[in-house]
Amino acid sequence: MSTQKPHTITEEELVARLRSGDTKAVSLLYDMYSATLFGVVLQIVKVEETAEDVLQEAFVKIWNSFQSYDASKGRLFTWMINICRNLAIDKIRSKQHRVSLQTREIPASPRADMGADNFKPEHIGLREITETLSPEQKQIIDLMYFEGMTQSEIAEEYQIPLGTVKTRARSAIRTLVKLFKGRAQ
């Protein structure tokens, strides 16, 4: 079992070492502050892997922009927490993050037997209902829901602008919702 010495460096000494480009000071900085900064980032992004990525990005940014740190405007920790917070907020606002949240694996549940392998669209008459769509809408729905293609794949394979594919899909879904509501009544 290794015992680490507690950090006996003052913030001023640490700042001076970082300003001089001392790479060992970065390790010390990480050891002193990473756990707390990780906690702050995790509260914002909610996903541990994403928080780890943001924290790594934050430490790179802290190191690369350390010359812009001004001790007269605030403590080092405050400056670093603002960098982490801003990067975390940027991350959750990014399209990539929103897509990754939507495509994360759904945890298994007691009703896992109701998965996609057991789903049969004909059980709810979906194929018959899609026959009432316009040919363009029907094509998109058939490719997306029955063939499993993504909107991007449809656009590429059929040489249709992605925006058009999305518009047709939205329009078809609206129509299907109205048709399903009509059947339920």
C-alpha atoms as a PDB file:
ATOM      1  CA  MET A   1       0.000   0.000   0.000  1.00  0.00           C
ATOM      2  CA  SER A   2       1.513   3.300  -1.027  1.00  0.00           C
ATOM      3  CA  THR A   3       1.010   6.382   1.015  1.00  0.00           C
ATOM      4  CA  GLN A   4       0.963   9.689  -0.753  1.00  0.00           C
ATOM      5  CA  LYS A   5       2.224  12.784   0.944  1.00  0.00           C
ATOM      6  CA  PRO A   6      -0.392  15.472   1.313  1.00  0.00           C
ATOM      7  CA  HIS A   7       0.084  18.399  -1.022  1.00  0.00           C
ATOM      8  CA  THR A   8       2.031  21.036   0.849  1.00  0.00           C
ATOM      9  CA  ILE A   9       2.167  23.629  -1.872  1.00  0.00           C
ATOM     10  CA  THR A  10       0.416  26.950  -1.689  1.00  0.00           C
ATOM     11  CA  GLU A  11      -1.808  28.204  -4.447  1.00  0.00           C
ATOM     12  CA  GLU A  12       0.706  30.994  -5.191  1.00  0.00           C
ATOM     13  CA  GLU A  13       3.552  28.473  -5.557  1.00  0.00           C
ATOM     14  CA  LEU A  14       1.427  26.278  -7.787  1.00  0.00           C
ATOM     15  CA  VAL A  15       0.468  29.237  -9.982  1.00  0.00           C
ATOM     16  CA  ALA A  16       4.117  30.287 -10.276  1.00  0.00           C
ATOM     17  CA  ARG A  17       5.157  26.772 -11.289  1.00  0.00           C
ATOM     18  CA  LEU A  18       2.352  26.532 -13.850  1.00  0.00           C
ATOM     19  CA  ARG A  19       3.254  29.939 -15.322  1.00  0.00           C
ATOM     20  CA  SER A  20       6.845  28.753 -15.732  1.00  0.00           C
ATOM     21  CA  GLY A  21       5.614  25.745 -17.760  1.00  0.00           C
ATOM     22  CA  ASP A  22       6.416  23.125 -15.109  1.00  0.00           C
ATOM     23  CA  THR A  23       4.659  19.980 -16.360  1.00  0.00           C
ATOM     24  CA  LYS A  24       4.958  18.328 -12.930  1.00  0.00           C
ATOM     25  CA  ALA A  25       2.842  21.164 -11.569  1.00  0.00           C
ATOM     26  CA  VAL A  26       0.026  20.060 -13.894  1.00  0.00           C
ATOM     27  CA  SER A  27       0.056  16.624 -12.264  1.00  0.00           C
ATOM     28  CA  LEU A  28      -0.061  18.285  -8.882  1.00  0.00           C
ATOM     29  CA  LEU A  29      -2.899  20.538 -10.038  1.00  0.00           C
ATOM     30  CA  TYR A  30      -4.787  17.479 -11.273  1.00  0.00           C
ATOM     31  CA  ASP A  31      -4.237  15.582  -8.025  1.00  0.00           C
ATOM     32  CA  MET A  32      -5.422  18.522  -5.965  1.00  0.00           C
ATOM     33  CA  TYR A  33      -8.532  19.521  -7.909  1.00  0.00           C
ATOM     34  CA  SER A  34      -9.683  16.783 -10.318  1.00  0.00           C
ATOM     35  CA  ALA A  35     -12.086  15.010  -7.952  1.00  0.00           C
ATOM     36  CA  THR A  36     -13.951  18.194  -7.084  1.00  0.00           C
ATOM     37  CA  LEU A  37     -14.023  19.418 -10.679  1.00  0.00           C
ATOM     38  CA  PHE A  38     -15.227  16.016 -11.861  1.00  0.00           C
ATOM     39  CA  GLY A  39     -18.121  16.245  -9.401  1.00  0.00           C
ATOM     40  CA  VAL A  40     -19.114  19.654 -10.750  1.00  0.00           C
ATOM     41  CA  VAL A  41     -18.971  18.459 -14.363  1.00  0.00           C
ATOM     42  CA  LEU A  42     -20.888  15.268 -13.564  1.00  0.00           C
ATOM     43  CA  GLN A  43     -23.715  17.269 -11.980  1.00  0.00           C
ATOM     44  CA  ILE A  44     -24.115  19.086 -15.287  1.00  0.00           C
ATOM     45  CA  VAL A  45     -23.623  16.327 -17.889  1.00  0.00           C
ATOM     46  CA  LYS A  46     -25.088  13.429 -15.824  1.00  0.00           C
ATOM     47  CA  VAL A  47     -23.036  10.738 -17.648  1.00  0.00           C
ATOM     48  CA  GLU A  48     -19.738   9.588 -16.139  1.00  0.00           C
ATOM     49  CA  GLU A  49     -17.973   8.896 -19.450  1.00  0.00           C
ATOM     50  CA  THR A  50     -18.955  12.315 -20.745  1.00  0.00           C
ATOM     51  CA  ALA A  51     -17.840  13.952 -17.498  1.00  0.00           C
ATOM     52  CA  GLU A  52     -14.452  12.245 -17.829  1.00  0.00           C
ATOM     53  CA  ASP A  53     -14.094  13.563 -21.388  1.00  0.00           C
ATOM     54  CA  VAL A  54     -15.092  17.082 -20.356  1.00  0.00           C
ATOM     55  CA  LEU A  55     -12.676  17.029 -17.421  1.00  0.00           C
ATOM     56  CA  GLN A  56      -9.822  15.933 -19.667  1.00  0.00           C
ATOM     57  CA  GLU A  57     -10.698  18.661 -22.160  1.00  0.00           C
ATOM     58  CA  ALA A  58     -10.852  21.160 -19.296  1.00  0.00           C
ATOM     59  CA  PHE A  59      -7.373  20.300 -18.012  1.00  0.00           C
ATOM     60  CA  VAL A  60      -5.957  20.629 -21.521  1.00  0.00           C
ATOM     61  CA  LYS A  61      -7.642  24.027 -21.820  1.00  0.00           C
ATOM     62  CA  ILE A  62      -6.408  25.073 -18.372  1.00  0.00           C
ATOM     63  CA  TRP A  63      -2.835  24.149 -19.309  1.00  0.00           C
ATOM     64  CA  ASN A  64      -2.978  25.770 -22.756  1.00  0.00           C
ATOM     65  CA  SER A  65      -4.578  28.983 -21.537  1.00  0.00           C
ATOM     66  CA  PHE A  66      -2.920  29.279 -18.152  1.00  0.00           C
ATOM     67  CA  GLN A  67      -1.208  32.528 -19.105  1.00  0.00           C
ATOM     68  CA  SER A  68      -4.656  34.161 -19.201  1.00  0.00           C
ATOM     69  CA  TYR A  69      -5.303  33.358 -15.535  1.00  0.00           C
ATOM     70  CA  ASP A  70      -5.291  36.573 -13.499  1.00  0.00           C
ATOM     71  CA  ALA A  71      -4.944  35.997  -9.754  1.00  0.00           C
ATOM     72  CA  SER A  72      -6.191  39.523  -9.050  1.00  0.00           C
ATOM     73  CA  LYS A  73      -9.613  38.585 -10.487  1.00  0.00           C
ATOM     74  CA  GLY A  74     -10.139  35.459  -8.407  1.00  0.00           C
ATOM     75  CA  ARG A  75      -8.748  32.270  -6.990  1.00  0.00           C
ATOM     76  CA  LEU A  76      -7.288  29.551  -9.191  1.00  0.00           C
ATOM     77  CA  PHE A  77     -10.022  27.102  -8.216  1.00  0.00           C
ATOM     78  CA  THR A  78     -12.747  29.573  -9.200  1.00  0.00           C
ATOM     79  CA  TRP A  79     -11.112  30.132 -12.591  1.00  0.00           C
ATOM     80  CA  MET A  80     -10.827  26.378 -13.190  1.00  0.00           C
ATOM     81  CA  ILE A  81     -14.373  25.644 -12.085  1.00  0.00           C
ATOM     82  CA  ASN A  82     -15.657  28.262 -14.545  1.00  0.00           C
ATOM     83  CA  ILE A  83     -13.724  26.596 -17.375  1.00  0.00           C
ATOM     84  CA  CYS A  84     -15.120  23.176 -16.412  1.00  0.00           C
ATOM     85  CA  ARG A  85     -18.640  24.496 -16.022  1.00  0.00           C
ATOM     86  CA  ASN A  86     -18.578  26.272 -19.387  1.00  0.00           C
ATOM     87  CA  LEU A  87     -17.200  23.208 -21.191  1.00  0.00           C
ATOM     88  CA  ALA A  88     -19.828  20.994 -19.534  1.00  0.00           C
ATOM     89  CA  ILE A  89     -22.615  23.352 -20.579  1.00  0.00           C
ATOM     90  CA  ASP A  90     -21.218  23.504 -24.121  1.00  0.00           C
ATOM     91  CA  LYS A  91     -21.176  19.705 -24.158  1.00  0.00           C
ATOM     92  CA  ILE A  92     -24.812  19.269 -23.127  1.00  0.00           C
ATOM     93  CA  ARG A  93     -25.876  21.891 -25.646  1.00  0.00           C
ATOM     94  CA  SER A  94     -23.997  20.150 -28.470  1.00  0.00           C
ATOM     95  CA  LYS A  95     -25.931  18.151 -31.007  1.00  0.00           C
ATOM     96  CA  GLN A  96     -23.508  15.246 -30.606  1.00  0.00           C
ATOM     97  CA  HIS A  97     -24.339  14.966 -26.899  1.00  0.00           C
ATOM     98  CA  ARG A  98     -28.083  15.114 -27.467  1.00  0.00           C
ATOM     99  CA  VAL A  99     -27.835  12.376 -30.102  1.00  0.00           C
ATOM    100  CA  SER A 100     -25.673  10.191 -27.847  1.00  0.00           C
ATOM    101  CA  LEU A 101     -28.245  10.486 -25.051  1.00  0.00           C
ATOM    102  CA  GLN A 102     -30.992   9.394 -27.414  1.00  0.00           C
ATOM    103  CA  THR A 103     -29.026   6.412 -28.684  1.00  0.00           C
ATOM    104  CA  ARG A 104     -27.673   5.131 -25.368  1.00  0.00           C
ATOM    105  CA  GLU A 105     -28.564   1.544 -24.615  1.00  0.00           C
ATOM    106  CA  ILE A 106     -31.810   1.143 -22.723  1.00  0.00           C
ATOM    107  CA  PRO A 107     -31.320  -0.942 -19.582  1.00  0.00           C
ATOM    108  CA  ALA A 108     -32.957  -4.364 -19.511  1.00  0.00           C
ATOM    109  CA  SER A 109     -36.257  -4.509 -17.715  1.00  0.00           C
ATOM    110  CA  PRO A 110     -38.642  -7.267 -16.723  1.00  0.00           C
ATOM    111  CA  ARG A 111     -40.564  -6.483 -19.905  1.00  0.00           C
ATOM    112  CA  ALA A 112     -37.486  -6.966 -22.117  1.00  0.00           C
ATOM    113  CA  ASP A 113     -39.358  -9.793 -23.852  1.00  0.00           C
ATOM    114  CA  MET A 114     -41.348  -7.079 -25.624  1.00  0.00           C
ATOM    115  CA  GLY A 115     -38.249  -6.083 -27.611  1.00  0.00           C
ATOM    116  CA  ALA A 116     -37.910  -5.269 -31.290  1.00  0.00           C
ATOM    117  CA  ASP A 117     -37.462  -8.958 -32.214  1.00  0.00           C
ATOM    118  CA  ASN A 118     -40.976  -9.675 -30.955  1.00  0.00           C
ATOM    119  CA  PHE A 119     -42.608  -6.563 -32.404  1.00  0.00           C
ATOM    120  CA  LYS A 120     -44.729  -7.256 -35.431  1.00  0.00           C
ATOM    121  CA  PRO A 121     -46.159  -4.140 -37.121  1.00  0.00           C
ATOM    122  CA  GLU A 122     -48.948  -6.194 -38.626  1.00  0.00           C
ATOM    123  CA  HIS A 123     -50.297  -6.882 -35.123  1.00  0.00           C
ATOM    124  CA  ILE A 124     -51.476  -3.309 -34.901  1.00  0.00           C
ATOM    125  CA  GLY A 125     -52.315  -2.932 -38.580  1.00  0.00           C
ATOM    126  CA  LEU A 126     -49.485  -0.515 -39.262  1.00  0.00           C
ATOM    127  CA  ARG A 127     -48.813  -1.779 -42.787  1.00  0.00           C
ATOM    128  CA  GLU A 128     -52.446  -1.262 -43.754  1.00  0.00           C
ATOM    129  CA  ILE A 129     -52.536   2.211 -42.256  1.00  0.00           C
ATOM    130  CA  THR A 130     -49.353   3.252 -44.088  1.00  0.00           C
ATOM    131  CA  GLU A 131     -51.123   2.453 -47.363  1.00  0.00           C
ATOM    132  CA  THR A 132     -53.187   5.606 -46.824  1.00  0.00           C
ATOM    133  CA  LEU A 133     -50.072   7.841 -46.862  1.00  0.00           C
ATOM    134  CA  SER A 134     -48.881   9.680 -49.953  1.00  0.00           C
ATOM    135  CA  PRO A 135     -46.363   7.655 -51.999  1.00  0.00           C
ATOM    136  CA  GLU A 136     -43.470   9.853 -50.805  1.00  0.00           C
ATOM    137  CA  GLN A 137     -44.468   9.543 -47.141  1.00  0.00           C
ATOM    138  CA  LYS A 138     -45.089   5.803 -47.453  1.00  0.00           C
ATOM    139  CA  GLN A 139     -41.663   5.266 -49.000  1.00  0.00           C
ATOM    140  CA  ILE A 140     -39.927   7.061 -46.116  1.00  0.00           C
ATOM    141  CA  ILE A 141     -41.946   5.240 -43.430  1.00  0.00           C
ATOM    142  CA  ASP A 142     -41.397   1.859 -45.095  1.00  0.00           C
ATOM    143  CA  LEU A 143     -37.651   2.452 -45.318  1.00  0.00           C
ATOM    144  CA  MET A 144     -37.329   3.817 -41.780  1.00  0.00           C
ATOM    145  CA  TYR A 145     -39.621   1.527 -39.819  1.00  0.00           C
ATOM    146  CA  PHE A 146     -39.793  -1.653 -41.852  1.00  0.00           C
ATOM    147  CA  GLU A 147     -36.313  -1.674 -43.416  1.00  0.00           C
ATOM    148  CA  GLY A 148     -34.514  -0.046 -40.466  1.00  0.00           C
ATOM    149  CA  MET A 149     -32.748   2.671 -42.459  1.00  0.00           C
ATOM    150  CA  THR A 150     -31.804   6.006 -40.921  1.00  0.00           C
ATOM    151  CA  GLN A 151     -32.906   9.275 -42.452  1.00  0.00           C
ATOM    152  CA  SER A 152     -29.316   9.955 -43.538  1.00  0.00           C
ATOM    153  CA  GLU A 153     -29.065   6.542 -45.215  1.00  0.00           C
ATOM    154  CA  ILE A 154     -32.343   7.139 -47.059  1.00  0.00           C
ATOM    155  CA  ALA A 155     -31.189  10.554 -48.246  1.00  0.00           C
ATOM    156  CA  GLU A 156     -27.892   9.153 -49.499  1.00  0.00           C
ATOM    157  CA  GLU A 157     -29.221   5.995 -51.134  1.00  0.00           C
ATOM    158  CA  TYR A 158     -32.232   7.593 -52.836  1.00  0.00           C
ATOM    159  CA  GLN A 159     -30.549  10.933 -53.645  1.00  0.00           C
ATOM    160  CA  ILE A 160     -33.157  12.900 -51.681  1.00  0.00           C
ATOM    161  CA  PRO A 161     -32.072  15.952 -49.668  1.00  0.00           C
ATOM    162  CA  LEU A 162     -31.903  15.097 -45.951  1.00  0.00           C
ATOM    163  CA  GLY A 163     -34.242  17.994 -45.120  1.00  0.00           C
ATOM    164  CA  THR A 164     -36.841  16.567 -47.504  1.00  0.00           C
ATOM    165  CA  VAL A 165     -36.554  13.127 -45.910  1.00  0.00           C
ATOM    166  CA  LYS A 166     -37.049  14.648 -42.468  1.00  0.00           C
ATOM    167  CA  THR A 167     -40.020  16.735 -43.608  1.00  0.00           C
ATOM    168  CA  ARG A 168     -41.698  13.717 -45.217  1.00  0.00           C
ATOM    169  CA  ALA A 169     -41.092  11.618 -42.105  1.00  0.00           C
ATOM    170  CA  ARG A 170     -42.569  14.284 -39.801  1.00  0.00           C
ATOM    171  CA  SER A 171     -45.548  14.755 -42.072  1.00  0.00           C
ATOM    172  CA  ALA A 172     -46.132  11.008 -42.297  1.00  0.00           C
ATOM    173  CA  ILE A 173     -45.940  10.605 -38.532  1.00  0.00           C
ATOM    174  CA  ARG A 174     -48.442  13.423 -38.016  1.00  0.00           C
ATOM    175  CA  THR A 175     -50.810  11.719 -40.444  1.00  0.00           C
ATOM    176  CA  LEU A 176     -50.324   8.350 -38.737  1.00  0.00           C
ATOM    177  CA  VAL A 177     -51.029   9.870 -35.328  1.00  0.00           C
ATOM    178  CA  LYS A 178     -54.325  11.252 -36.629  1.00  0.00           C
ATOM    179  CA  LEU A 179     -55.201   7.884 -38.167  1.00  0.00           C
ATOM    180  CA  PHE A 180     -54.382   6.003 -34.956  1.00  0.00           C
ATOM    181  CA  LYS A 181     -56.451   8.450 -32.905  1.00  0.00           C
ATOM    182  CA  GLY A 182     -59.343   7.889 -35.283  1.00  0.00           C
ATOM    183  CA  ARG A 183     -59.084   4.100 -34.893  1.00  0.00           C
ATOM    184  CA  ALA A 184     -58.908   4.331 -31.102  1.00  0.00           C
ATOM    185  CA  GLN A 185     -62.220   6.170 -30.850  1.00  0.00           C
END
